[in-house]
Every structure is written in C-alpha cells, then in structure tokens.
Amino acid sequence: MITTLVNAKAWDALPASFQAAFEAAANEQNLLTQAKYDAVNPGALRRLVGGGTELRAFPQPVLEACYKASIETFNDFAAKNGDFKKVCEHWKAFMNRPNSWFRVAEYRLDAFRYNASAW
C-alpha cells in the first residue's frame, strides 16, 4: 500500500528496516494529523459561533443535488479517462463496504450522542 505514496522502484530498493521506519513514520503522522484535526476544530467552531457565525445544515435537496452532480461528474470523467475509471471502480467498491458497517456500528450511536444533552 505504501508504494502508492512513493516511487515503487525507489521503495523496492530500500532495505526492509528503512521501509518499516518509513511506514511507522507515515502512520504516526497520519494519527497525529487526525488527532490535531479533532482536537482543534471544536475550538475553532466555538470562535466562529462566538464571532456571530450562524451555523445551518445543508437542506436535504441541496445534499441530494450535490450528490447527484458528483456521481454524474465521476461517471463523465470515467467515460473519458480509463485511469480515472479504474480508480473510481475500486473506490466505489471500497466505499460501499465500510458504509454498511458504519450504518450499524457508528451512525446510530453518533446520531444519538450528537443530539443528547451534554454532561
């Protein structure tokens, strides 16, 4: 999987210990980036709201129109570009697998927690 991020020929030339160190560093950076994102964004949101920003959810028709336009765009690109089509097909198959899991494992709890009163 890491070879999708770096030149495969250069990767293959690295000793296994360097490959392992690179993977560990990449995984650590990914974890730290997500943790920072999750830690600082609530404060940024509070500052925006405190400064007068009004938060509103996108209306359902807007979400549906954006989704439809995205799918049409993906299909259009796929029809014109074989590389995009190959990536898109794999992405669609991948995306649908975790969606079924998250609907069961995460969605209901998250929705409840977001709507529950704070401690």
N, C-alpha and C. Protein backbone atom coordinates (compact mmCIF):
# COMPACT_ATOMS: atom_id res chain seq x y z
N MET A 1 0.82 -1.19 0.00
CA MET A 1 0.00 0.00 0.00
C MET A 1 0.87 1.26 0.00
N ILE A 2 1.98 1.23 0.69
CA ILE A 2 2.83 2.41 0.79
C ILE A 2 3.38 2.81 -0.58
N THR A 3 3.49 1.84 -1.49
CA THR A 3 4.04 2.16 -2.81
C THR A 3 3.11 3.05 -3.62
N THR A 4 1.88 3.27 -3.16
CA THR A 4 1.02 4.24 -3.83
C THR A 4 1.41 5.65 -3.44
N LEU A 5 2.22 5.79 -2.39
CA LEU A 5 2.65 7.10 -1.93
C LEU A 5 4.04 7.49 -2.40
N VAL A 6 4.84 6.53 -2.74
CA VAL A 6 6.22 6.80 -3.15
C VAL A 6 6.53 6.01 -4.42
N ASN A 7 7.63 6.36 -5.03
CA ASN A 7 8.08 5.68 -6.23
C ASN A 7 8.34 4.21 -5.92
N ALA A 8 7.66 3.31 -6.61
CA ALA A 8 7.76 1.88 -6.31
C ALA A 8 9.18 1.36 -6.50
N LYS A 9 9.86 1.82 -7.53
CA LYS A 9 11.22 1.35 -7.78
C LYS A 9 12.16 1.78 -6.64
N ALA A 10 12.01 3.03 -6.21
CA ALA A 10 12.83 3.52 -5.10
C ALA A 10 12.48 2.77 -3.81
N TRP A 11 11.19 2.50 -3.61
CA TRP A 11 10.74 1.77 -2.43
C TRP A 11 11.36 0.38 -2.39
N ASP A 12 11.31 -0.31 -3.51
CA ASP A 12 11.84 -1.67 -3.58
C ASP A 12 13.34 -1.70 -3.32
N ALA A 13 14.03 -0.60 -3.60
CA ALA A 13 15.47 -0.54 -3.40
C ALA A 13 15.86 -0.31 -1.94
N LEU A 14 14.89 0.10 -1.12
CA LEU A 14 15.18 0.35 0.29
C LEU A 14 15.30 -0.96 1.07
N PRO A 15 16.19 -0.98 2.07
CA PRO A 15 16.23 -2.15 2.95
C PRO A 15 14.91 -2.26 3.73
N ALA A 16 14.58 -3.45 4.13
CA ALA A 16 13.32 -3.69 4.86
C ALA A 16 13.22 -2.82 6.11
N SER A 17 14.35 -2.60 6.79
CA SER A 17 14.31 -1.78 8.01
C SER A 17 13.93 -0.34 7.69
N PHE A 18 14.39 0.20 6.55
CA PHE A 18 14.03 1.57 6.14
C PHE A 18 12.56 1.63 5.74
N GLN A 19 12.09 0.59 5.06
CA GLN A 19 10.68 0.54 4.70
C GLN A 19 9.81 0.55 5.95
N ALA A 20 10.21 -0.23 6.94
CA ALA A 20 9.45 -0.30 8.19
C ALA A 20 9.47 1.05 8.91
N ALA A 21 10.63 1.71 8.92
CA ALA A 21 10.73 3.02 9.56
C ALA A 21 9.86 4.04 8.84
N PHE A 22 9.86 4.01 7.52
CA PHE A 22 9.03 4.92 6.74
C PHE A 22 7.55 4.70 7.03
N GLU A 23 7.14 3.43 7.04
CA GLU A 23 5.74 3.11 7.31
C GLU A 23 5.34 3.56 8.71
N ALA A 24 6.22 3.33 9.69
CA ALA A 24 5.91 3.75 11.06
C ALA A 24 5.77 5.27 11.14
N ALA A 25 6.67 5.99 10.46
CA ALA A 25 6.60 7.45 10.48
C ALA A 25 5.34 7.96 9.77
N ALA A 26 5.00 7.35 8.64
CA ALA A 26 3.81 7.76 7.91
C ALA A 26 2.55 7.49 8.73
N ASN A 27 2.49 6.33 9.37
CA ASN A 27 1.33 6.00 10.20
C ASN A 27 1.22 6.94 11.40
N GLU A 28 2.35 7.25 12.01
CA GLU A 28 2.36 8.16 13.15
C GLU A 28 1.89 9.55 12.73
N GLN A 29 2.37 10.03 11.60
CA GLN A 29 1.96 11.35 11.13
C GLN A 29 0.48 11.38 10.80
N ASN A 30 -0.03 10.31 10.21
CA ASN A 30 -1.46 10.24 9.92
C ASN A 30 -2.27 10.32 11.22
N LEU A 31 -1.86 9.58 12.22
CA LEU A 31 -2.54 9.58 13.51
C LEU A 31 -2.49 10.97 14.16
N LEU A 32 -1.32 11.60 14.15
CA LEU A 32 -1.18 12.92 14.76
C LEU A 32 -2.00 13.97 14.02
N THR A 33 -2.03 13.88 12.71
CA THR A 33 -2.82 14.84 11.92
C THR A 33 -4.30 14.73 12.25
N GLN A 34 -4.82 13.51 12.31
CA GLN A 34 -6.23 13.30 12.64
C GLN A 34 -6.52 13.76 14.06
N ALA A 35 -5.61 13.46 14.99
CA ALA A 35 -5.82 13.86 16.38
C ALA A 35 -5.82 15.38 16.51
N LYS A 36 -4.91 16.05 15.81
CA LYS A 36 -4.87 17.52 15.86
C LYS A 36 -6.15 18.10 15.26
N TYR A 37 -6.58 17.55 14.14
CA TYR A 37 -7.81 17.99 13.48
C TYR A 37 -8.99 17.88 14.45
N ASP A 38 -9.10 16.73 15.10
CA ASP A 38 -10.21 16.50 16.04
C ASP A 38 -10.09 17.38 17.28
N ALA A 39 -8.87 17.70 17.70
CA ALA A 39 -8.66 18.49 18.92
C ALA A 39 -8.87 19.99 18.72
N VAL A 40 -8.45 20.53 17.59
CA VAL A 40 -8.51 21.99 17.43
C VAL A 40 -9.78 22.49 16.75
N ASN A 41 -10.45 21.66 15.98
CA ASN A 41 -11.63 22.16 15.27
C ASN A 41 -12.80 22.55 16.18
N PRO A 42 -13.07 21.84 17.28
CA PRO A 42 -14.16 22.31 18.14
C PRO A 42 -13.93 23.73 18.67
N GLY A 43 -12.69 24.06 19.03
CA GLY A 43 -12.38 25.42 19.49
C GLY A 43 -12.55 26.44 18.38
N ALA A 44 -12.14 26.07 17.17
CA ALA A 44 -12.30 26.97 16.02
C ALA A 44 -13.79 27.21 15.76
N LEU A 45 -14.58 26.18 15.88
CA LEU A 45 -16.02 26.32 15.67
C LEU A 45 -16.63 27.24 16.74
N ARG A 46 -16.21 27.07 17.99
CA ARG A 46 -16.70 27.95 19.06
C ARG A 46 -16.34 29.41 18.78
N ARG A 47 -15.13 29.65 18.28
CA ARG A 47 -14.73 31.03 17.96
C ARG A 47 -15.57 31.60 16.83
N LEU A 48 -15.85 30.79 15.83
CA LEU A 48 -16.69 31.26 14.72
C LEU A 48 -18.08 31.63 15.21
N VAL A 49 -18.68 30.74 15.99
CA VAL A 49 -20.02 30.99 16.51
C VAL A 49 -20.00 32.19 17.47
N GLY A 50 -18.96 32.27 18.29
CA GLY A 50 -18.82 33.40 19.21
C GLY A 50 -18.67 34.73 18.48
N GLY A 51 -18.14 34.67 17.27
CA GLY A 51 -17.99 35.88 16.46
C GLY A 51 -19.21 36.21 15.63
N GLY A 52 -20.27 35.43 15.80
CA GLY A 52 -21.51 35.75 15.11
C GLY A 52 -21.85 34.86 13.93
N THR A 53 -21.03 33.89 13.63
CA THR A 53 -21.34 32.99 12.53
C THR A 53 -22.57 32.17 12.86
N GLU A 54 -23.49 32.09 11.93
CA GLU A 54 -24.69 31.28 12.11
C GLU A 54 -24.50 29.95 11.40
N LEU A 55 -24.61 28.88 12.13
CA LEU A 55 -24.44 27.55 11.55
C LEU A 55 -25.79 27.03 11.07
N ARG A 56 -25.79 26.47 9.88
CA ARG A 56 -27.01 25.87 9.35
C ARG A 56 -26.63 24.61 8.61
N ALA A 57 -27.46 23.61 8.73
CA ALA A 57 -27.25 22.37 7.98
C ALA A 57 -27.67 22.59 6.53
N PHE A 58 -27.03 21.90 5.63
CA PHE A 58 -27.47 21.96 4.24
C PHE A 58 -28.85 21.33 4.14
N PRO A 59 -29.76 21.96 3.42
CA PRO A 59 -31.08 21.34 3.23
C PRO A 59 -30.95 20.04 2.44
N GLN A 60 -31.84 19.11 2.70
CA GLN A 60 -31.81 17.81 2.03
C GLN A 60 -31.76 17.93 0.51
N PRO A 61 -32.57 18.82 -0.12
CA PRO A 61 -32.50 18.93 -1.59
C PRO A 61 -31.11 19.38 -2.09
N VAL A 62 -30.43 20.20 -1.32
CA VAL A 62 -29.08 20.63 -1.71
C VAL A 62 -28.12 19.45 -1.64
N LEU A 63 -28.20 18.68 -0.56
CA LEU A 63 -27.35 17.49 -0.42
C LEU A 63 -27.60 16.52 -1.57
N GLU A 64 -28.86 16.29 -1.88
CA GLU A 64 -29.20 15.36 -2.96
C GLU A 64 -28.70 15.86 -4.30
N ALA A 65 -28.83 17.15 -4.57
CA ALA A 65 -28.37 17.71 -5.84
C ALA A 65 -26.84 17.64 -5.96
N CYS A 66 -26.15 17.92 -4.87
CA CYS A 66 -24.69 17.84 -4.87
C CYS A 66 -24.22 16.40 -5.08
N TYR A 67 -24.87 15.48 -4.41
CA TYR A 67 -24.52 14.07 -4.56
C TYR A 67 -24.74 13.62 -6.00
N LYS A 68 -25.88 13.97 -6.55
CA LYS A 68 -26.20 13.59 -7.93
C LYS A 68 -25.18 14.19 -8.90
N ALA A 69 -24.84 15.46 -8.70
CA ALA A 69 -23.86 16.12 -9.57
C ALA A 69 -22.48 15.46 -9.45
N SER A 70 -22.13 15.06 -8.24
CA SER A 70 -20.83 14.39 -8.03
C SER A 70 -20.79 13.07 -8.79
N ILE A 71 -21.84 12.27 -8.65
CA ILE A 71 -21.89 10.98 -9.33
C ILE A 71 -21.85 11.17 -10.84
N GLU A 72 -22.60 12.14 -11.34
CA GLU A 72 -22.58 12.42 -12.79
C GLU A 72 -21.19 12.84 -13.25
N THR A 73 -20.52 13.65 -12.44
CA THR A 73 -19.16 14.09 -12.78
C THR A 73 -18.20 12.92 -12.78
N PHE A 74 -18.28 12.07 -11.76
CA PHE A 74 -17.42 10.89 -11.71
C PHE A 74 -17.65 10.01 -12.94
N ASN A 75 -18.91 9.78 -13.28
CA ASN A 75 -19.23 8.93 -14.43
C ASN A 75 -18.73 9.56 -15.73
N ASP A 76 -18.83 10.87 -15.85
CA ASP A 76 -18.35 11.58 -17.03
C ASP A 76 -16.83 11.45 -17.15
N PHE A 77 -16.13 11.68 -16.04
CA PHE A 77 -14.67 11.52 -16.05
C PHE A 77 -14.28 10.09 -16.40
N ALA A 78 -14.99 9.12 -15.82
CA ALA A 78 -14.68 7.71 -16.07
C ALA A 78 -14.88 7.35 -17.53
N ALA A 79 -15.88 7.93 -18.16
CA ALA A 79 -16.13 7.65 -19.58
C ALA A 79 -15.03 8.21 -20.47
N LYS A 80 -14.36 9.24 -20.00
CA LYS A 80 -13.33 9.91 -20.81
C LYS A 80 -11.90 9.52 -20.44
N ASN A 81 -11.73 8.89 -19.28
CA ASN A 81 -10.37 8.63 -18.80
C ASN A 81 -10.32 7.23 -18.18
N GLY A 82 -9.62 6.33 -18.85
CA GLY A 82 -9.53 4.95 -18.38
C GLY A 82 -8.88 4.82 -17.02
N ASP A 83 -7.86 5.64 -16.75
CA ASP A 83 -7.21 5.58 -15.43
C ASP A 83 -8.18 5.99 -14.34
N PHE A 84 -8.93 7.07 -14.59
CA PHE A 84 -9.92 7.51 -13.61
C PHE A 84 -10.98 6.43 -13.41
N LYS A 85 -11.41 5.82 -14.50
CA LYS A 85 -12.44 4.77 -14.42
C LYS A 85 -11.96 3.62 -13.53
N LYS A 86 -10.71 3.21 -13.71
CA LYS A 86 -10.17 2.11 -12.92
C LYS A 86 -10.14 2.46 -11.44
N VAL A 87 -9.66 3.66 -11.13
CA VAL A 87 -9.61 4.10 -9.74
C VAL A 87 -11.01 4.23 -9.17
N CYS A 88 -11.91 4.82 -9.94
CA CYS A 88 -13.28 5.07 -9.49
C CYS A 88 -14.01 3.75 -9.18
N GLU A 89 -13.83 2.77 -10.03
CA GLU A 89 -14.49 1.48 -9.79
C GLU A 89 -14.02 0.85 -8.49
N HIS A 90 -12.71 0.90 -8.24
CA HIS A 90 -12.18 0.35 -6.99
C HIS A 90 -12.66 1.17 -5.79
N TRP A 91 -12.69 2.48 -5.96
CA TRP A 91 -13.13 3.36 -4.88
C TRP A 91 -14.59 3.10 -4.52
N LYS A 92 -15.45 2.97 -5.54
CA LYS A 92 -16.87 2.71 -5.28
C LYS A 92 -17.05 1.39 -4.53
N ALA A 93 -16.35 0.37 -4.96
CA ALA A 93 -16.46 -0.93 -4.29
C ALA A 93 -15.98 -0.82 -2.85
N PHE A 94 -14.88 -0.12 -2.65
CA PHE A 94 -14.34 0.06 -1.30
C PHE A 94 -15.30 0.87 -0.44
N MET A 95 -15.82 1.97 -0.97
CA MET A 95 -16.68 2.88 -0.22
C MET A 95 -17.94 2.17 0.27
N ASN A 96 -18.49 1.31 -0.53
CA ASN A 96 -19.73 0.65 -0.15
C ASN A 96 -19.54 -0.38 0.96
N ARG A 97 -18.37 -0.99 1.04
CA ARG A 97 -18.14 -1.97 2.10
C ARG A 97 -18.16 -1.34 3.48
N PRO A 98 -17.38 -0.29 3.76
CA PRO A 98 -17.42 0.26 5.11
C PRO A 98 -18.73 0.99 5.42
N ASN A 99 -19.43 1.49 4.41
CA ASN A 99 -20.70 2.17 4.68
C ASN A 99 -21.67 1.25 5.39
N SER A 100 -21.75 -0.01 4.97
CA SER A 100 -22.68 -0.93 5.62
C SER A 100 -22.28 -1.15 7.08
N TRP A 101 -20.99 -1.18 7.35
CA TRP A 101 -20.51 -1.35 8.73
C TRP A 101 -20.83 -0.12 9.56
N PHE A 102 -20.52 1.06 9.04
CA PHE A 102 -20.71 2.29 9.82
C PHE A 102 -22.19 2.56 10.09
N ARG A 103 -23.07 2.16 9.19
CA ARG A 103 -24.50 2.31 9.44
C ARG A 103 -24.91 1.56 10.70
N VAL A 104 -24.31 0.39 10.91
CA VAL A 104 -24.64 -0.44 12.07
C VAL A 104 -23.83 -0.04 13.29
N ALA A 105 -22.54 0.16 13.12
CA ALA A 105 -21.64 0.31 14.25
C ALA A 105 -21.52 1.75 14.76
N GLU A 106 -21.62 2.72 13.91
CA GLU A 106 -21.32 4.08 14.32
C GLU A 106 -22.49 5.05 14.19
N TYR A 107 -23.22 4.98 13.10
CA TYR A 107 -24.19 6.00 12.76
C TYR A 107 -25.22 6.25 13.85
N ARG A 108 -25.87 5.19 14.32
CA ARG A 108 -26.94 5.36 15.31
C ARG A 108 -26.40 5.94 16.62
N LEU A 109 -25.25 5.43 17.07
CA LEU A 109 -24.67 5.96 18.30
C LEU A 109 -24.25 7.41 18.12
N ASP A 110 -23.60 7.72 17.02
CA ASP A 110 -23.18 9.11 16.78
C ASP A 110 -24.39 10.04 16.73
N ALA A 111 -25.42 9.64 16.00
CA ALA A 111 -26.62 10.47 15.89
C ALA A 111 -27.23 10.69 17.27
N PHE A 112 -27.30 9.65 18.07
CA PHE A 112 -27.83 9.79 19.43
C PHE A 112 -26.97 10.74 20.24
N ARG A 113 -25.66 10.52 20.21
CA ARG A 113 -24.74 11.31 21.03
C ARG A 113 -24.77 12.78 20.63
N TYR A 114 -24.86 13.07 19.33
CA TYR A 114 -24.89 14.45 18.87
C TYR A 114 -26.14 15.17 19.36
N ASN A 115 -27.24 14.42 19.51
CA ASN A 115 -28.50 15.02 19.91
C ASN A 115 -28.76 14.95 21.41
N ALA A 116 -27.96 14.17 22.14
CA ALA A 116 -28.15 14.04 23.58
C ALA A 116 -27.63 15.30 24.27
N SER A 117 -28.17 15.56 25.45
CA SER A 117 -27.68 16.71 26.21
C SER A 117 -26.27 16.41 26.71
N ALA A 118 -25.49 17.46 26.87
CA ALA A 118 -24.11 17.32 27.35
C ALA A 118 -24.11 16.96 28.82
N TRP A 119 -23.04 16.42 29.32
CA TRP A 119 -22.90 16.07 30.73
C TRP A 119 -23.00 17.32 31.56
